[in-house]
Protein backbone atom coordinates (compact mmCIF):
# COMPACT_ATOMS: atom_id res chain seq x y z
CA MET A 1 15.36 -0.13 5.39
CA PRO A 2 15.29 -3.53 3.67
CA PRO A 3 15.02 -6.53 5.98
CA THR A 4 17.89 -8.85 6.63
CA GLU A 5 18.11 -11.79 4.30
CA THR A 6 17.24 -14.12 7.19
CA ALA A 7 14.10 -12.13 8.07
CA ALA A 8 12.97 -11.99 4.45
CA THR A 9 13.55 -15.74 4.06
CA GLU A 10 11.62 -16.46 7.27
CA VAL A 11 8.62 -14.43 6.12
CA THR A 12 8.74 -16.06 2.68
CA GLY A 13 8.77 -19.52 4.28
CA LEU A 14 5.83 -18.65 6.52
CA LEU A 15 3.89 -17.28 3.54
CA ARG A 16 4.40 -20.47 1.56
CA ALA A 17 3.44 -22.68 4.50
CA TRP A 18 0.35 -20.53 5.11
CA ARG A 19 -0.58 -20.84 1.43
CA ARG A 20 -0.42 -24.63 1.78
CA GLY A 21 -2.96 -24.40 4.59
CA ASP A 22 -0.75 -24.38 7.69
CA ALA A 23 -2.80 -22.30 10.16
CA GLN A 24 0.09 -22.13 12.63
CA ALA A 25 2.25 -20.58 9.92
CA GLY A 26 -0.47 -17.97 9.40
CA ASP A 27 -0.42 -17.13 13.10
CA ALA A 28 3.39 -17.00 13.14
CA LEU A 29 3.33 -14.81 10.03
CA LEU A 30 1.01 -12.29 11.63
CA GLU A 31 3.19 -12.20 14.72
CA ARG A 32 6.30 -11.71 12.54
CA VAL A 33 4.91 -8.93 10.30
CA TYR A 34 2.49 -7.17 12.67
CA ALA A 35 4.90 -4.48 13.84
CA GLU A 36 5.92 -3.70 10.27
CA LEU A 37 2.31 -3.53 9.11
CA LYS A 38 1.49 -1.21 11.99
CA LYS A 39 4.42 1.04 11.04
CA ILE A 40 3.14 1.18 7.44
CA ALA A 41 -0.38 1.96 8.68
CA ALA A 42 0.89 4.74 10.94
CA SER A 43 2.82 6.20 8.02
CA GLN A 44 -0.32 6.13 5.87
CA LEU A 45 -2.45 7.74 8.54
CA ARG A 46 0.08 10.56 9.02
CA ARG A 47 -0.72 11.50 5.42
CA GLU A 48 -4.44 11.68 6.19
CA ARG A 49 -6.45 14.65 7.36
CA ALA A 50 -6.19 15.72 10.98
CA GLY A 51 -8.67 13.95 13.22
CA HIS A 52 -8.92 10.85 11.03
CA THR A 53 -11.06 8.29 12.86
CA LEU A 54 -9.05 5.22 11.83
CA GLN A 55 -6.14 4.23 14.05
CA PRO A 56 -3.10 2.25 12.82
CA THR A 57 -4.25 -0.89 14.65
CA ALA A 58 -7.69 -0.77 13.02
CA LEU A 59 -6.17 -0.17 9.60
CA VAL A 60 -3.80 -3.14 10.02
CA HIS A 61 -6.60 -5.42 11.20
CA GLU A 62 -8.96 -4.46 8.39
CA ALA A 63 -6.25 -4.82 5.73
CA TYR A 64 -5.13 -8.17 7.17
CA LEU A 65 -8.71 -9.47 7.19
CA ARG A 66 -8.99 -8.53 3.54
CA LEU A 67 -5.70 -10.29 2.81
CA LEU A 68 -7.06 -13.44 4.47
CA GLN A 69 -9.99 -13.36 2.04
CA GLN A 70 -7.69 -13.45 -0.99
CA GLN A 71 -8.10 -16.89 -2.49
CA GLY A 72 -5.42 -18.43 -4.61
CA VAL A 73 -2.70 -15.86 -3.98
CA ASP A 74 0.68 -17.42 -4.71
CA TRP A 75 2.73 -15.61 -2.07
CA ARG A 76 6.12 -15.23 -3.73
CA ASP A 77 8.02 -13.48 -0.99
CA ARG A 78 8.00 -10.82 1.70
CA ALA A 79 7.93 -7.89 -0.74
CA HIS A 80 4.97 -9.41 -2.59
CA PHE A 81 3.10 -9.76 0.71
CA PHE A 82 3.78 -6.17 1.74
CA GLY A 83 2.85 -4.94 -1.73
CA LEU A 84 -0.53 -6.62 -1.43
CA ALA A 85 -0.90 -5.38 2.15
CA ALA A 86 -0.27 -1.85 0.88
CA ALA A 87 -2.96 -2.27 -1.78
CA MET A 88 -5.38 -3.49 0.90
CA MET A 89 -4.59 -0.50 3.13
CA ARG A 90 -5.25 1.79 0.19
CA ARG A 91 -8.64 0.13 -0.35
CA VAL A 92 -9.52 0.41 3.34
CA LEU A 93 -8.65 4.13 3.36
CA VAL A 94 -10.59 4.75 0.14
CA ASP A 95 -13.62 2.86 1.47
CA HIS A 96 -13.40 4.85 4.69
CA ALA A 97 -13.24 8.13 2.74
CA ARG A 98 -16.22 7.11 0.61
CA ALA A 99 -18.26 6.19 3.68
CA ARG A 100 -17.35 9.50 5.30
CA GLY A 101 -18.45 11.34 2.16
CA ALA A 102 -21.73 9.43 2.13
CA ARG A 103 -22.33 10.34 5.77
CA LYS A 104 -21.89 13.98 4.85
CA ARG A 105 -24.66 13.46 2.26
CA GLY A 106 -22.51 14.35 -0.68
CA ALA A 107 -20.76 17.29 0.91
CA GLY A 108 -17.15 17.83 -0.12
CA ILE A 109 -14.56 15.72 1.64
CA ASP A 110 -11.75 17.59 3.31
CA PRO A 111 -8.48 17.40 1.40
CA VAL A 112 -5.96 14.96 2.80
CA PRO A 113 -2.24 15.21 2.29
CA ILE A 114 -1.07 12.95 -0.51
CA THR A 115 2.64 12.58 -0.97
CA LEU A 116 3.94 11.39 -4.28
CA THR A 117 7.43 11.64 -2.96
CA ALA A 118 8.66 9.48 -0.14
CA LYS A 119 8.36 12.42 2.32
CA ARG A 120 6.09 15.48 1.79
CA ALA A 121 3.50 16.14 -0.86
CA PRO A 122 0.74 18.14 -2.42
CA GLU A 123 -2.69 18.19 -0.89
CA ALA A 124 -5.27 16.17 -2.76
CA GLU A 125 -8.25 14.12 -1.84
CA LEU A 126 -7.68 10.44 -1.27
CA LEU A 127 -10.60 9.70 -3.55
CA ASP A 128 -9.00 11.83 -6.26
CA LEU A 129 -5.77 9.88 -5.85
CA ASP A 130 -7.69 6.61 -6.03
CA ARG A 131 -9.44 7.69 -9.22
CA ALA A 132 -6.15 8.81 -10.76
CA LEU A 133 -4.44 5.54 -9.76
CA THR A 134 -7.33 3.50 -11.15
CA ALA A 135 -7.08 5.32 -14.50
CA PHE A 136 -3.30 4.98 -14.42
CA ALA A 137 -3.56 1.22 -13.72
CA GLU A 138 -5.57 0.66 -16.90
CA ARG A 139 -2.56 1.65 -19.01
CA TYR A 140 0.35 1.12 -16.64
CA PRO A 141 -0.23 -1.83 -14.29
CA ARG A 142 3.42 -2.38 -13.33
CA GLN A 143 3.95 1.29 -12.57
CA THR A 144 0.79 1.24 -10.45
CA ARG A 145 2.23 -1.64 -8.42
CA VAL A 146 5.38 0.46 -7.94
CA VAL A 147 3.27 3.33 -6.58
CA GLU A 148 1.37 1.02 -4.24
CA MET A 149 4.52 -0.60 -2.90
CA ARG A 150 6.51 2.62 -2.61
CA TYR A 151 3.80 5.01 -1.45
CA PHE A 152 1.48 2.74 0.52
CA ALA A 153 3.96 0.17 1.88
CA ASP A 154 7.11 2.31 2.02
CA LEU A 155 9.09 -0.52 0.41
CA GLU A 156 12.60 0.25 -0.78
CA ILE A 157 13.44 0.42 -4.49
CA GLU A 158 15.42 -2.83 -4.27
CA GLU A 159 12.55 -4.68 -2.59
CA ILE A 160 10.11 -3.52 -5.26
CA ALA A 161 12.52 -4.53 -8.00
CA GLU A 162 12.82 -8.00 -6.51
CA CYS A 163 9.06 -8.36 -6.17
CA LEU A 164 8.37 -7.23 -9.73
CA ASP A 165 11.40 -9.05 -11.15
CA VAL A 166 12.82 -5.91 -12.75
CA SER A 167 15.97 -3.87 -12.17
CA PRO A 168 16.12 -1.14 -9.51
CA ILE A 169 16.70 1.46 -12.25
CA THR A 170 13.44 0.35 -13.90
CA VAL A 171 11.63 0.84 -10.59
CA LYS A 172 13.17 4.32 -10.22
CA ARG A 173 12.03 5.26 -13.73
CA ASP A 174 8.56 3.82 -13.11
CA TRP A 175 8.32 5.78 -9.84
CA GLN A 176 9.34 9.05 -11.54
CA PHE A 177 6.97 8.47 -14.44
CA ALA A 178 4.08 7.55 -12.14
CA ARG A 179 4.57 10.60 -9.92
CA ALA A 180 4.59 12.91 -12.95
CA TRP A 181 1.53 11.24 -14.49
CA LEU A 182 -0.39 11.31 -11.21
CA LEU A 183 0.46 14.95 -10.53
CA ILE A 184 -1.01 15.81 -13.92
CA GLY A 185 -3.99 13.53 -13.19
CA LEU A 186 -4.51 15.35 -9.89
CA GLY A 187 -4.64 18.68 -11.67
CA GLY A 188 -0.97 19.55 -11.45
CA ARG A 189 -1.15 20.29 -7.72
CA LYS A 190 2.23 20.50 -6.04
């Protein structure tokens, strides 16, 4: 559900103050968005294999630490922040999957559920999804951002449209196109 206009404006204000170097705004921002980030992380981890060793809190903390390292980000608004947070969570999960694969000395990684719809999805490996998204991003960067914001951050169509400065119908088309392309890229698994 999209945030209230007041909540979105508050987060946007905190982001801009944080960008200007206001450490207190950074602390207030984390306090304001923490619950939402944790909800996104929990949603992501539900899509992972059973027995995943990362917990939502750890995923949020790791993604947030990576966000803090981003230099020169011009935080436009709440949706932009959550879009980048979603991309960071994706990277954390991919890095975790790669490390797990390395620990198994090259053995196959168990498939994890990947949903290219907002609810249920085909089974694919997270690393396969990452490879497909990376290839997709080379030709379709905006559509890749739509996937990251919709799939990884569970943002609403309207929020994504606002963040990308396009119409909601464009976001819907991008989402449909991206899902079709990625399903083909993942070997047509449904």
